[in-house]
């Protein structure tokens, strides 16, 4: 005997009876297809958002509003635009949080007083001396210590990370704006001595330069938004605590910032192996100064060189072709500080 059902329903294997009109609403459709630029997965949508971000970043540089930029660092220093916050300018970076993992790395970061928001310890972790020291240092600094599962630490650090059951969350770095950093230096009655970085991608170089700026009387470091490292935990450690005293400014466009410095009466001097002036003969060390340091491999970019008042080179003897960016910055800063001390 046939099974009961709606007359005319399919008898095929796996078929099912219709709804009898009860599902008519689901068949009415969702209206006209949105424009390509309004569909999140479409390339036109991404292009529209990217253009909006570029326009916002450009406006943040050219505007003359007072306030302070706050931005992260980042894995690299990319930003997603600028917004207002209580009358202040705030530059926001995407994905700027950082998580350190591994027992040695976490302990070293805590010893160096790298800013941290939380220490994560895996359940039933083997409590060796490093784990105990990490917990002690975190408690002493008021950093929350949370006991979590190993899968949770896997998720925080990346599933291919060897975290050894411990991780440290590092917050985004608070950057200043280059012109506002200059305003603060002048308001304190100081003669500006800043270091700008062009194409420095190693955070250890940045940390070493921050340390040298602190040692030789500089007041700040400027990093570009693109193709540059930011103030990561590695930079904090290399700076040996100097990052807590020397502010780092984020330039949406380094060349525009250099032009603004020149308009404000600050000399912009690049450091490059092919420079036309030798550092020992440089006679502007006592003036308001921005030293621009290029990468060890590529040196200064063409546009940055065009925006410099002078290009200096450091005389090198022997077979050494070039100096590490951090060492070159230290040599130049020492020479400037020596001239200023004589003055």
C-alpha atoms as a PDB file:
ATOM      1  CA  UNK A   1       0.000   0.000   0.000  1.00  0.00           C
ATOM      2  CA  UNK A   2       1.351   3.496  -0.922  1.00  0.00           C
ATOM      3  CA  UNK A   3       2.388   5.829   1.849  1.00  0.00           C
ATOM      4  CA  UNK A   4       0.006   8.736   2.521  1.00  0.00           C
ATOM      5  CA  UNK A   5       1.091  12.171   1.329  1.00  0.00           C
ATOM      6  CA  UNK A   6       0.156  15.150  -0.808  1.00  0.00           C
ATOM      7  CA  UNK A   7      -1.199  14.057  -4.188  1.00  0.00           C
ATOM      8  CA  UNK A   8       1.336  14.667  -6.909  1.00  0.00           C
ATOM      9  CA  UNK A   9       4.345  14.666  -4.563  1.00  0.00           C
ATOM     10  CA  UNK A  10       7.547  13.215  -5.959  1.00  0.00           C
ATOM     11  CA  UNK A  11       7.956   9.486  -5.455  1.00  0.00           C
ATOM     12  CA  UNK A  12      11.714   9.577  -6.207  1.00  0.00           C
ATOM     13  CA  UNK A  13      14.096   8.157  -3.684  1.00  0.00           C
ATOM     14  CA  UNK A  14      15.186  10.936  -1.348  1.00  0.00           C
ATOM     15  CA  UNK A  15      12.455  13.334  -2.497  1.00  0.00           C
ATOM     16  CA  UNK A  16      10.207  15.138  -0.051  1.00  0.00           C
ATOM     17  CA  UNK A  17       6.755  16.618  -0.173  1.00  0.00           C
ATOM     18  CA  UNK A  18       6.245  20.325  -0.833  1.00  0.00           C
ATOM     19  CA  UNK A  19       5.053  22.798   1.792  1.00  0.00           C
ATOM     20  CA  UNK A  20       1.732  23.527   0.203  1.00  0.00           C
ATOM     21  CA  UNK A  21       2.473  27.269  -0.028  1.00  0.00           C
ATOM     22  CA  UNK A  22       3.683  27.681   3.545  1.00  0.00           C
ATOM     23  CA  UNK A  23       7.228  28.552   2.352  1.00  0.00           C
ATOM     24  CA  UNK A  24       6.129  31.161  -0.175  1.00  0.00           C
ATOM     25  CA  UNK A  25       7.855  33.996   1.763  1.00  0.00           C
ATOM     26  CA  UNK A  26      11.249  32.348   1.357  1.00  0.00           C
ATOM     27  CA  UNK A  27      10.779  32.398  -2.408  1.00  0.00           C
ATOM     28  CA  UNK A  28      10.044  36.107  -2.674  1.00  0.00           C
ATOM     29  CA  UNK A  29      13.744  37.061  -2.841  1.00  0.00           C
ATOM     30  CA  UNK A  30      15.769  39.719  -0.988  1.00  0.00           C
ATOM     31  CA  UNK A  31      15.308  42.656  -3.293  1.00  0.00           C
ATOM     32  CA  UNK A  32      17.700  44.096  -5.903  1.00  0.00           C
ATOM     33  CA  UNK A  33      21.382  43.118  -5.805  1.00  0.00           C
ATOM     34  CA  UNK A  34      23.459  45.785  -3.955  1.00  0.00           C
ATOM     35  CA  UNK A  35      26.083  47.742  -5.880  1.00  0.00           C
ATOM     36  CA  UNK A  36      29.524  46.142  -6.064  1.00  0.00           C
ATOM     37  CA  UNK A  37      31.039  48.844  -3.829  1.00  0.00           C
ATOM     38  CA  UNK A  38      28.447  48.022  -1.124  1.00  0.00           C
ATOM     39  CA  UNK A  39      29.095  44.278  -1.049  1.00  0.00           C
ATOM     40  CA  UNK A  40      31.665  43.394   1.623  1.00  0.00           C
ATOM     41  CA  UNK A  41      33.292  40.547  -0.276  1.00  0.00           C
ATOM     42  CA  UNK A  42      33.741  42.496  -3.510  1.00  0.00           C
ATOM     43  CA  UNK A  43      37.011  44.128  -4.632  1.00  0.00           C
ATOM     44  CA  UNK A  44      35.179  47.419  -5.294  1.00  0.00           C
ATOM     45  CA  UNK A  45      34.114  47.526  -1.625  1.00  0.00           C
ATOM     46  CA  UNK A  46      37.719  47.073  -0.452  1.00  0.00           C
ATOM     47  CA  UNK A  47      38.982  49.687  -2.908  1.00  0.00           C
ATOM     48  CA  UNK A  48      36.384  52.220  -1.689  1.00  0.00           C
ATOM     49  CA  UNK A  49      37.379  51.681   1.961  1.00  0.00           C
ATOM     50  CA  UNK A  50      41.087  51.897   1.129  1.00  0.00           C
ATOM     51  CA  UNK A  51      40.544  55.200  -0.691  1.00  0.00           C
ATOM     52  CA  UNK A  52      38.625  56.545   2.299  1.00  0.00           C
ATOM     53  CA  UNK A  53      41.441  55.553   4.652  1.00  0.00           C
ATOM     54  CA  UNK A  54      44.062  57.216   2.467  1.00  0.00           C
ATOM     55  CA  UNK A  55      42.020  60.413   2.325  1.00  0.00           C
ATOM     56  CA  UNK A  56      41.581  60.408   6.114  1.00  0.00           C
ATOM     57  CA  UNK A  57      45.301  59.823   6.729  1.00  0.00           C
ATOM     58  CA  UNK A  58      46.219  62.656   4.355  1.00  0.00           C
ATOM     59  CA  UNK A  59      43.809  65.005   6.114  1.00  0.00           C
ATOM     60  CA  UNK A  60      45.352  64.107   9.474  1.00  0.00           C
ATOM     61  CA  UNK A  61      48.748  65.281   8.256  1.00  0.00           C
ATOM     62  CA  UNK A  62      47.697  68.533   6.628  1.00  0.00           C
ATOM     63  CA  UNK A  63      45.309  69.757   9.326  1.00  0.00           C
ATOM     64  CA  UNK A  64      46.633  72.148  11.956  1.00  0.00           C
ATOM     65  CA  UNK A  65      44.452  71.069  14.887  1.00  0.00           C
ATOM     66  CA  UNK A  66      46.046  70.829  18.275  1.00  0.00           C
ATOM     67  CA  UNK A  67      46.134  67.563  20.184  1.00  0.00           C
ATOM     68  CA  UNK A  68      48.087  64.335  20.404  1.00  0.00           C
ATOM     69  CA  UNK A  69      48.182  61.328  18.132  1.00  0.00           C
ATOM     70  CA  UNK A  70      47.764  57.998  19.813  1.00  0.00           C
ATOM     71  CA  UNK A  71      48.563  54.953  17.753  1.00  0.00           C
ATOM     72  CA  UNK A  72      49.971  51.508  18.132  1.00  0.00           C
ATOM     73  CA  UNK A  73      52.799  49.947  16.967  1.00  0.00           C
ATOM     74  CA  UNK A  74      52.628  47.450  15.369  1.00  0.00           C
ATOM     75  CA  UNK A  75      53.767  44.636  13.960  1.00  0.00           C
ATOM     76  CA  UNK A  76      54.347  47.376  11.763  1.00  0.00           C
ATOM     77  CA  UNK A  77      53.059  50.815  12.031  1.00  0.00           C
ATOM     78  CA  UNK A  78      50.134  50.896   9.647  1.00  0.00           C
ATOM     79  CA  UNK A  79      47.147  52.999  10.589  1.00  0.00           C
ATOM     80  CA  UNK A  80      43.519  52.910   9.675  1.00  0.00           C
ATOM     81  CA  UNK A  81      42.842  56.633   9.743  1.00  0.00           C
ATOM     82  CA  UNK A  82      42.325  59.318  12.347  1.00  0.00           C
ATOM     83  CA  UNK A  83      39.375  60.183  14.573  1.00  0.00           C
ATOM     84  CA  UNK A  84      38.540  62.746  17.237  1.00  0.00           C
ATOM     85  CA  UNK A  85      38.713  61.966  20.953  1.00  0.00           C
ATOM     86  CA  UNK A  86      37.958  64.771  23.391  1.00  0.00           C
ATOM     87  CA  UNK A  87      39.401  67.319  20.962  1.00  0.00           C
ATOM     88  CA  UNK A  88      42.544  65.242  20.406  1.00  0.00           C
ATOM     89  CA  UNK A  89      43.656  63.526  17.235  1.00  0.00           C
ATOM     90  CA  UNK A  90      43.906  59.799  17.502  1.00  0.00           C
ATOM     91  CA  UNK A  91      45.638  57.661  14.912  1.00  0.00           C
ATOM     92  CA  UNK A  92      44.419  54.080  15.038  1.00  0.00           C
ATOM     93  CA  UNK A  93      46.381  51.049  13.902  1.00  0.00           C
ATOM     94  CA  UNK A  94      44.810  47.762  12.996  1.00  0.00           C
ATOM     95  CA  UNK A  95      45.864  44.519  14.674  1.00  0.00           C
ATOM     96  CA  UNK A  96      48.414  46.280  16.821  1.00  0.00           C
ATOM     97  CA  UNK A  97      48.204  44.024  19.885  1.00  0.00           C
ATOM     98  CA  UNK A  98      51.103  41.672  20.434  1.00  0.00           C
ATOM     99  CA  UNK A  99      51.439  38.459  22.411  1.00  0.00           C
ATOM    100  CA  UNK A 100      54.853  37.236  23.535  1.00  0.00           C
ATOM    101  CA  UNK A 101      55.242  33.538  24.239  1.00  0.00           C
ATOM    102  CA  UNK A 102      57.899  31.240  25.616  1.00  0.00           C
ATOM    103  CA  UNK A 103      59.361  31.231  29.105  1.00  0.00           C
ATOM    104  CA  UNK A 104      62.620  33.038  28.353  1.00  0.00           C
ATOM    105  CA  UNK A 105      60.949  35.713  26.188  1.00  0.00           C
ATOM    106  CA  UNK A 106      58.243  36.440  28.755  1.00  0.00           C
ATOM    107  CA  UNK A 107      60.681  36.691  31.670  1.00  0.00           C
ATOM    108  CA  UNK A 108      63.048  38.960  29.696  1.00  0.00           C
ATOM    109  CA  UNK A 109      60.158  41.237  28.703  1.00  0.00           C
ATOM    110  CA  UNK A 110      58.964  41.509  32.309  1.00  0.00           C
ATOM    111  CA  UNK A 111      62.502  42.228  33.517  1.00  0.00           C
ATOM    112  CA  UNK A 112      62.811  44.999  30.890  1.00  0.00           C
ATOM    113  CA  UNK A 113      59.504  46.454  32.149  1.00  0.00           C
ATOM    114  CA  UNK A 114      57.832  46.113  28.780  1.00  0.00           C
ATOM    115  CA  UNK A 115      54.239  47.368  29.224  1.00  0.00           C
ATOM    116  CA  UNK A 116      51.860  44.409  29.531  1.00  0.00           C
ATOM    117  CA  UNK A 117      48.165  43.926  30.172  1.00  0.00           C
ATOM    118  CA  UNK A 118      47.996  40.261  31.170  1.00  0.00           C
ATOM    119  CA  UNK A 119      50.110  37.194  31.878  1.00  0.00           C
ATOM    120  CA  UNK A 120      48.591  33.861  30.813  1.00  0.00           C
ATOM    121  CA  UNK A 121      49.656  30.597  32.467  1.00  0.00           C
ATOM    122  CA  UNK A 122      48.480  27.187  31.217  1.00  0.00           C
ATOM    123  CA  UNK A 123      46.674  24.811  33.554  1.00  0.00           C
ATOM    124  CA  UNK A 124      48.941  22.287  35.284  1.00  0.00           C
ATOM    125  CA  UNK A 125      52.087  23.955  33.923  1.00  0.00           C
ATOM    126  CA  UNK A 126      55.422  22.753  35.248  1.00  0.00           C
ATOM    127  CA  UNK A 127      56.416  25.466  37.725  1.00  0.00           C
ATOM    128  CA  UNK A 128      60.114  25.932  37.041  1.00  0.00           C
ATOM    129  CA  UNK A 129      62.158  28.984  38.126  1.00  0.00           C
ATOM    130  CA  UNK A 130      61.270  31.001  34.996  1.00  0.00           C
ATOM    131  CA  UNK A 131      57.526  30.566  35.449  1.00  0.00           C
ATOM    132  CA  UNK A 132      57.793  31.462  39.134  1.00  0.00           C
ATOM    133  CA  UNK A 133      59.826  34.581  38.315  1.00  0.00           C
ATOM    134  CA  UNK A 134      57.333  35.630  35.635  1.00  0.00           C
ATOM    135  CA  UNK A 135      54.438  35.355  38.105  1.00  0.00           C
ATOM    136  CA  UNK A 136      56.412  37.238  40.781  1.00  0.00           C
ATOM    137  CA  UNK A 137      57.346  40.072  38.400  1.00  0.00           C
ATOM    138  CA  UNK A 138      53.783  40.325  37.100  1.00  0.00           C
ATOM    139  CA  UNK A 139      52.348  40.491  40.622  1.00  0.00           C
ATOM    140  CA  UNK A 140      54.926  43.126  41.616  1.00  0.00           C
ATOM    141  CA  UNK A 141      53.905  45.315  38.634  1.00  0.00           C
ATOM    142  CA  UNK A 142      50.177  44.765  39.111  1.00  0.00           C
ATOM    143  CA  UNK A 143      49.771  42.781  35.866  1.00  0.00           C
ATOM    144  CA  UNK A 144      46.794  40.370  36.049  1.00  0.00           C
ATOM    145  CA  UNK A 145      47.786  36.693  35.996  1.00  0.00           C
ATOM    146  CA  UNK A 146      45.230  34.348  34.432  1.00  0.00           C
ATOM    147  CA  UNK A 147      45.247  30.559  34.432  1.00  0.00           C
ATOM    148  CA  UNK A 148      43.834  29.287  31.123  1.00  0.00           C
ATOM    149  CA  UNK A 149      43.725  26.082  29.113  1.00  0.00           C
ATOM    150  CA  UNK A 150      46.467  25.194  26.658  1.00  0.00           C
ATOM    151  CA  UNK A 151      44.090  25.459  23.672  1.00  0.00           C
ATOM    152  CA  UNK A 152      43.358  29.041  24.756  1.00  0.00           C
ATOM    153  CA  UNK A 153      47.087  29.893  24.759  1.00  0.00           C
ATOM    154  CA  UNK A 154      47.352  28.162  21.371  1.00  0.00           C
ATOM    155  CA  UNK A 155      44.672  30.515  20.080  1.00  0.00           C
ATOM    156  CA  UNK A 156      46.354  33.607  21.574  1.00  0.00           C
ATOM    157  CA  UNK A 157      49.837  32.866  20.282  1.00  0.00           C
ATOM    158  CA  UNK A 158      49.082  31.065  17.025  1.00  0.00           C
ATOM    159  CA  UNK A 159      48.768  27.322  16.707  1.00  0.00           C
ATOM    160  CA  UNK A 160      52.295  26.950  15.287  1.00  0.00           C
ATOM    161  CA  UNK A 161      53.896  28.804  18.223  1.00  0.00           C
ATOM    162  CA  UNK A 162      56.006  27.029  20.838  1.00  0.00           C
ATOM    163  CA  UNK A 163      54.617  28.908  23.855  1.00  0.00           C
ATOM    164  CA  UNK A 164      55.708  26.482  26.633  1.00  0.00           C
ATOM    165  CA  UNK A 165      52.473  27.200  28.458  1.00  0.00           C
ATOM    166  CA  UNK A 166      53.062  30.912  29.071  1.00  0.00           C
ATOM    167  CA  UNK A 167      52.192  34.111  27.195  1.00  0.00           C
ATOM    168  CA  UNK A 168      52.297  37.861  27.821  1.00  0.00           C
ATOM    169  CA  UNK A 169      49.843  40.328  26.240  1.00  0.00           C
ATOM    170  CA  UNK A 170      51.479  43.619  25.204  1.00  0.00           C
ATOM    171  CA  UNK A 171      49.226  46.638  24.471  1.00  0.00           C
ATOM    172  CA  UNK A 172      49.563  48.982  21.481  1.00  0.00           C
ATOM    173  CA  UNK A 173      52.160  51.730  21.854  1.00  0.00           C
ATOM    174  CA  UNK A 174      50.933  55.309  22.284  1.00  0.00           C
ATOM    175  CA  UNK A 175      52.509  57.350  19.504  1.00  0.00           C
ATOM    176  CA  UNK A 176      52.671  61.127  19.256  1.00  0.00           C
ATOM    177  CA  UNK A 177      52.281  63.278  16.147  1.00  0.00           C
ATOM    178  CA  UNK A 178      55.591  64.651  14.750  1.00  0.00           C
ATOM    179  CA  UNK A 179      54.571  68.319  14.805  1.00  0.00           C
ATOM    180  CA  UNK A 180      53.092  68.087  18.266  1.00  0.00           C
ATOM    181  CA  UNK A 181      56.290  66.414  19.482  1.00  0.00           C
ATOM    182  CA  UNK A 182      58.198  69.402  18.064  1.00  0.00           C
ATOM    183  CA  UNK A 183      55.815  71.826  19.809  1.00  0.00           C
ATOM    184  CA  UNK A 184      56.441  70.139  23.167  1.00  0.00           C
ATOM    185  CA  UNK A 185      60.227  70.292  22.733  1.00  0.00           C
ATOM    186  CA  UNK A 186      60.140  74.004  21.877  1.00  0.00           C
ATOM    187  CA  UNK A 187      57.733  74.752  24.738  1.00  0.00           C
ATOM    188  CA  UNK A 188      60.302  73.280  27.154  1.00  0.00           C
ATOM    189  CA  UNK A 189      62.941  75.680  25.813  1.00  0.00           C
ATOM    190  CA  UNK A 190      65.021  72.870  24.290  1.00  0.00           C
ATOM    191  CA  UNK A 191      66.818  72.836  20.948  1.00  0.00           C
ATOM    192  CA  UNK A 192      65.262  70.034  18.872  1.00  0.00           C
ATOM    193  CA  UNK A 193      67.329  66.945  18.171  1.00  0.00           C
ATOM    194  CA  UNK A 194      65.209  64.220  16.606  1.00  0.00           C
ATOM    195  CA  UNK A 195      65.895  61.048  14.654  1.00  0.00           C
ATOM    196  CA  UNK A 196      63.639  60.002  11.772  1.00  0.00           C
ATOM    197  CA  UNK A 197      63.797  56.483  10.342  1.00  0.00           C
ATOM    198  CA  UNK A 198      63.426  55.641   6.651  1.00  0.00           C
ATOM    199  CA  UNK A 199      62.867  51.963   5.897  1.00  0.00           C
ATOM    200  CA  UNK A 200      64.052  50.538   9.237  1.00  0.00           C
ATOM    201  CA  UNK A 201      62.146  47.256   9.617  1.00  0.00           C
ATOM    202  CA  UNK A 202      64.071  45.552  12.435  1.00  0.00           C
ATOM    203  CA  UNK A 203      62.570  46.438  15.846  1.00  0.00           C
ATOM    204  CA  UNK A 204      65.946  45.795  17.497  1.00  0.00           C
ATOM    205  CA  UNK A 205      67.456  48.596  15.426  1.00  0.00           C
ATOM    206  CA  UNK A 206      64.626  50.868  16.537  1.00  0.00           C
ATOM    207  CA  UNK A 207      65.225  49.933  20.165  1.00  0.00           C
ATOM    208  CA  UNK A 208      68.959  50.603  19.849  1.00  0.00           C
ATOM    209  CA  UNK A 209      68.297  54.000  18.227  1.00  0.00           C
ATOM    210  CA  UNK A 210      65.854  54.977  20.985  1.00  0.00           C
ATOM    211  CA  UNK A 211      68.543  54.085  23.529  1.00  0.00           C
ATOM    212  CA  UNK A 212      71.138  56.214  21.692  1.00  0.00           C
ATOM    213  CA  UNK A 213      68.742  59.171  21.440  1.00  0.00           C
ATOM    214  CA  UNK A 214      68.286  59.021  25.217  1.00  0.00           C
ATOM    215  CA  UNK A 215      72.045  58.729  25.809  1.00  0.00           C
ATOM    216  CA  UNK A 216      73.061  61.686  23.615  1.00  0.00           C
ATOM    217  CA  UNK A 217      70.454  64.292  24.489  1.00  0.00           C
ATOM    218  CA  UNK A 218      67.845  63.683  21.790  1.00  0.00           C
ATOM    219  CA  UNK A 219      64.166  64.248  22.466  1.00  0.00           C
ATOM    220  CA  UNK A 220      62.344  61.808  20.186  1.00  0.00           C
ATOM    221  CA  UNK A 221      62.201  59.373  17.278  1.00  0.00           C
ATOM    222  CA  UNK A 222      59.933  59.518  14.218  1.00  0.00           C
ATOM    223  CA  UNK A 223      58.834  56.403  12.342  1.00  0.00           C
ATOM    224  CA  UNK A 224      56.809  56.416   9.100  1.00  0.00           C
ATOM    225  CA  UNK A 225      53.432  54.782   8.869  1.00  0.00           C
ATOM    226  CA  UNK A 226      54.434  52.416   6.072  1.00  0.00           C
ATOM    227  CA  UNK A 227      57.412  50.117   5.468  1.00  0.00           C
ATOM    228  CA  UNK A 228      58.758  50.563   8.971  1.00  0.00           C
ATOM    229  CA  UNK A 229      58.854  48.746  12.253  1.00  0.00           C
ATOM    230  CA  UNK A 230      56.915  50.024  15.229  1.00  0.00           C
ATOM    231  CA  UNK A 231      57.563  49.962  18.956  1.00  0.00           C
ATOM    232  CA  UNK A 232      57.096  46.265  19.615  1.00  0.00           C
ATOM    233  CA  UNK A 233      58.084  44.299  22.692  1.00  0.00           C
ATOM    234  CA  UNK A 234      61.395  43.500  20.984  1.00  0.00           C
ATOM    235  CA  UNK A 235      62.095  47.223  20.517  1.00  0.00           C
ATOM    236  CA  UNK A 236      61.205  47.847  24.176  1.00  0.00           C
ATOM    237  CA  UNK A 237      63.671  45.181  25.329  1.00  0.00           C
ATOM    238  CA  UNK A 238      66.503  46.453  23.106  1.00  0.00           C
ATOM    239  CA  UNK A 239      65.986  50.021  24.316  1.00  0.00           C
ATOM    240  CA  UNK A 240      66.791  48.868  27.858  1.00  0.00           C
ATOM    241  CA  UNK A 241      64.030  51.025  29.317  1.00  0.00           C
ATOM    242  CA  UNK A 242      64.776  54.139  27.232  1.00  0.00           C
ATOM    243  CA  UNK A 243      61.459  53.678  25.380  1.00  0.00           C
ATOM    244  CA  UNK A 244      59.723  54.713  28.594  1.00  0.00           C
ATOM    245  CA  UNK A 245      61.480  58.120  28.463  1.00  0.00           C
ATOM    246  CA  UNK A 246      61.904  58.888  24.739  1.00  0.00           C
ATOM    247  CA  UNK A 247      58.648  59.457  22.810  1.00  0.00           C
ATOM    248  CA  UNK A 248      58.158  57.963  19.363  1.00  0.00           C
ATOM    249  CA  UNK A 249      56.045  59.831  16.808  1.00  0.00           C
ATOM    250  CA  UNK A 250      54.179  58.271  13.898  1.00  0.00           C
ATOM    251  CA  UNK A 251      54.327  60.100  10.547  1.00  0.00           C
ATOM    252  CA  UNK A 252      51.494  59.323   8.138  1.00  0.00           C
ATOM    253  CA  UNK A 253      53.844  60.512   5.374  1.00  0.00           C
ATOM    254  CA  UNK A 254      57.516  60.925   6.265  1.00  0.00           C
ATOM    255  CA  UNK A 255      58.322  63.288   3.384  1.00  0.00           C
ATOM    256  CA  UNK A 256      55.458  65.616   4.270  1.00  0.00           C
ATOM    257  CA  UNK A 257      56.634  65.664   7.874  1.00  0.00           C
ATOM    258  CA  UNK A 258      60.181  66.521   6.826  1.00  0.00           C
ATOM    259  CA  UNK A 259      58.865  69.416   4.738  1.00  0.00           C
ATOM    260  CA  UNK A 260      56.913  70.693   7.751  1.00  0.00           C
ATOM    261  CA  UNK A 261      60.024  70.507   9.938  1.00  0.00           C
ATOM    262  CA  UNK A 262      61.935  72.618   7.427  1.00  0.00           C
ATOM    263  CA  UNK A 263      59.151  75.209   7.404  1.00  0.00           C
ATOM    264  CA  UNK A 264      59.484  75.388  11.194  1.00  0.00           C
ATOM    265  CA  UNK A 265      63.209  76.175  10.949  1.00  0.00           C
ATOM    266  CA  UNK A 266      64.543  72.680  11.679  1.00  0.00           C
ATOM    267  CA  UNK A 267      67.420  71.413   9.530  1.00  0.00           C
ATOM    268  CA  UNK A 268      66.799  67.978   7.996  1.00  0.00           C
ATOM    269  CA  UNK A 269      70.020  66.023   7.522  1.00  0.00           C
ATOM    270  CA  UNK A 270      70.215  62.533   6.043  1.00  0.00           C
ATOM    271  CA  UNK A 271      72.803  59.903   6.847  1.00  0.00           C
ATOM    272  CA  UNK A 272      73.941  57.849   3.858  1.00  0.00           C
ATOM    273  CA  UNK A 273      77.119  56.129   2.742  1.00  0.00           C
ATOM    274  CA  UNK A 274      77.217  58.225  -0.430  1.00  0.00           C
ATOM    275  CA  UNK A 275      76.702  61.570   1.294  1.00  0.00           C
ATOM    276  CA  UNK A 276      78.509  64.625  -0.053  1.00  0.00           C
ATOM    277  CA  UNK A 277      79.545  65.849   3.407  1.00  0.00           C
ATOM    278  CA  UNK A 278      81.720  64.014   5.898  1.00  0.00           C
ATOM    279  CA  UNK A 279      80.314  63.878   9.432  1.00  0.00           C
ATOM    280  CA  UNK A 280      83.461  65.377  11.068  1.00  0.00           C
ATOM    281  CA  UNK A 281      83.154  68.484   8.854  1.00  0.00           C
ATOM    282  CA  UNK A 282      79.445  68.982   9.530  1.00  0.00           C
ATOM    283  CA  UNK A 283      78.880  72.435  11.047  1.00  0.00           C
ATOM    284  CA  UNK A 284      75.107  72.422  11.692  1.00  0.00           C
ATOM    285  CA  UNK A 285      75.197  70.190  14.744  1.00  0.00           C
ATOM    286  CA  UNK A 286      74.352  73.067  17.051  1.00  0.00           C
ATOM    287  CA  UNK A 287      71.186  73.973  15.113  1.00  0.00           C
ATOM    288  CA  UNK A 288      67.674  72.503  15.523  1.00  0.00           C
ATOM    289  CA  UNK A 289      68.120  69.176  13.802  1.00  0.00           C
ATOM    290  CA  UNK A 290      66.379  66.073  12.462  1.00  0.00           C
ATOM    291  CA  UNK A 291      68.738  63.235  11.569  1.00  0.00           C
ATOM    292  CA  UNK A 292      67.244  60.839   9.010  1.00  0.00           C
ATOM    293  CA  UNK A 293      68.599  57.283   9.130  1.00  0.00           C
ATOM    294  CA  UNK A 294      68.094  54.898   6.197  1.00  0.00           C
ATOM    295  CA  UNK A 295      68.194  51.114   6.142  1.00  0.00           C
ATOM    296  CA  UNK A 296      71.546  49.362   6.004  1.00  0.00           C
ATOM    297  CA  UNK A 297      70.849  47.762   2.632  1.00  0.00           C
ATOM    298  CA  UNK A 298      68.961  50.413   0.638  1.00  0.00           C
ATOM    299  CA  UNK A 299      69.949  53.569   2.485  1.00  0.00           C
ATOM    300  CA  UNK A 300      67.745  56.640   2.147  1.00  0.00           C
ATOM    301  CA  UNK A 301      64.958  56.627  -0.414  1.00  0.00           C
ATOM    302  CA  UNK A 302      65.167  59.060  -3.327  1.00  0.00           C
ATOM    303  CA  UNK A 303      62.329  61.302  -2.142  1.00  0.00           C
ATOM    304  CA  UNK A 304      63.725  61.490   1.383  1.00  0.00           C
ATOM    305  CA  UNK A 305      67.133  62.511   0.014  1.00  0.00           C
ATOM    306  CA  UNK A 306      65.476  65.261  -2.032  1.00  0.00           C
ATOM    307  CA  UNK A 307      63.845  66.624   1.127  1.00  0.00           C
ATOM    308  CA  UNK A 308      67.092  66.729   3.121  1.00  0.00           C
ATOM    309  CA  UNK A 309      69.112  69.946   3.518  1.00  0.00           C
ATOM    310  CA  UNK A 310      72.314  67.884   3.451  1.00  0.00           C
ATOM    311  CA  UNK A 311      73.434  64.262   3.181  1.00  0.00           C
ATOM    312  CA  UNK A 312      76.195  63.164   5.552  1.00  0.00           C
ATOM    313  CA  UNK A 313      78.453  60.144   5.380  1.00  0.00           C
ATOM    314  CA  UNK A 314      80.492  58.537   8.149  1.00  0.00           C
ATOM    315  CA  UNK A 315      84.134  57.914   7.178  1.00  0.00           C
ATOM    316  CA  UNK A 316      84.903  54.183   7.453  1.00  0.00           C
ATOM    317  CA  UNK A 317      88.332  52.612   7.201  1.00  0.00           C
ATOM    318  CA  UNK A 318      89.182  49.056   6.266  1.00  0.00           C
ATOM    319  CA  UNK A 319      86.996  46.626   4.361  1.00  0.00           C
ATOM    320  CA  UNK A 320      83.746  47.482   6.137  1.00  0.00           C
ATOM    321  CA  UNK A 321      81.219  48.617   3.521  1.00  0.00           C
ATOM    322  CA  UNK A 322      78.552  50.042   5.798  1.00  0.00           C
ATOM    323  CA  UNK A 323      77.408  50.370   9.388  1.00  0.00           C
ATOM    324  CA  UNK A 324      74.328  48.949  11.014  1.00  0.00           C
ATOM    325  CA  UNK A 325      71.576  51.591  11.202  1.00  0.00           C
ATOM    326  CA  UNK A 326      71.632  51.604  15.004  1.00  0.00           C
ATOM    327  CA  UNK A 327      75.424  52.056  15.130  1.00  0.00           C
ATOM    328  CA  UNK A 328      75.367  54.778  12.457  1.00  0.00           C
ATOM    329  CA  UNK A 329      72.726  56.685  14.417  1.00  0.00           C
ATOM    330  CA  UNK A 330      74.823  56.393  17.604  1.00  0.00           C
ATOM    331  CA  UNK A 331      77.945  57.768  15.882  1.00  0.00           C
ATOM    332  CA  UNK A 332      76.047  60.718  14.386  1.00  0.00           C
ATOM    333  CA  UNK A 333      74.252  61.522  17.648  1.00  0.00           C
ATOM    334  CA  UNK A 334      77.525  61.423  19.575  1.00  0.00           C
ATOM    335  CA  UNK A 335      79.123  63.864  17.116  1.00  0.00           C
ATOM    336  CA  UNK A 336      76.157  66.262  17.423  1.00  0.00           C
ATOM    337  CA  UNK A 337      76.121  66.047  21.227  1.00  0.00           C
ATOM    338  CA  UNK A 338      79.877  66.730  21.341  1.00  0.00           C
ATOM    339  CA  UNK A 339      79.465  69.872  19.236  1.00  0.00           C
ATOM    340  CA  UNK A 340      76.561  71.087  21.334  1.00  0.00           C
ATOM    341  CA  UNK A 341      78.540  70.540  24.536  1.00  0.00           C
ATOM    342  CA  UNK A 342      81.389  72.696  23.195  1.00  0.00           C
ATOM    343  CA  UNK A 343      78.932  75.413  22.188  1.00  0.00           C
END
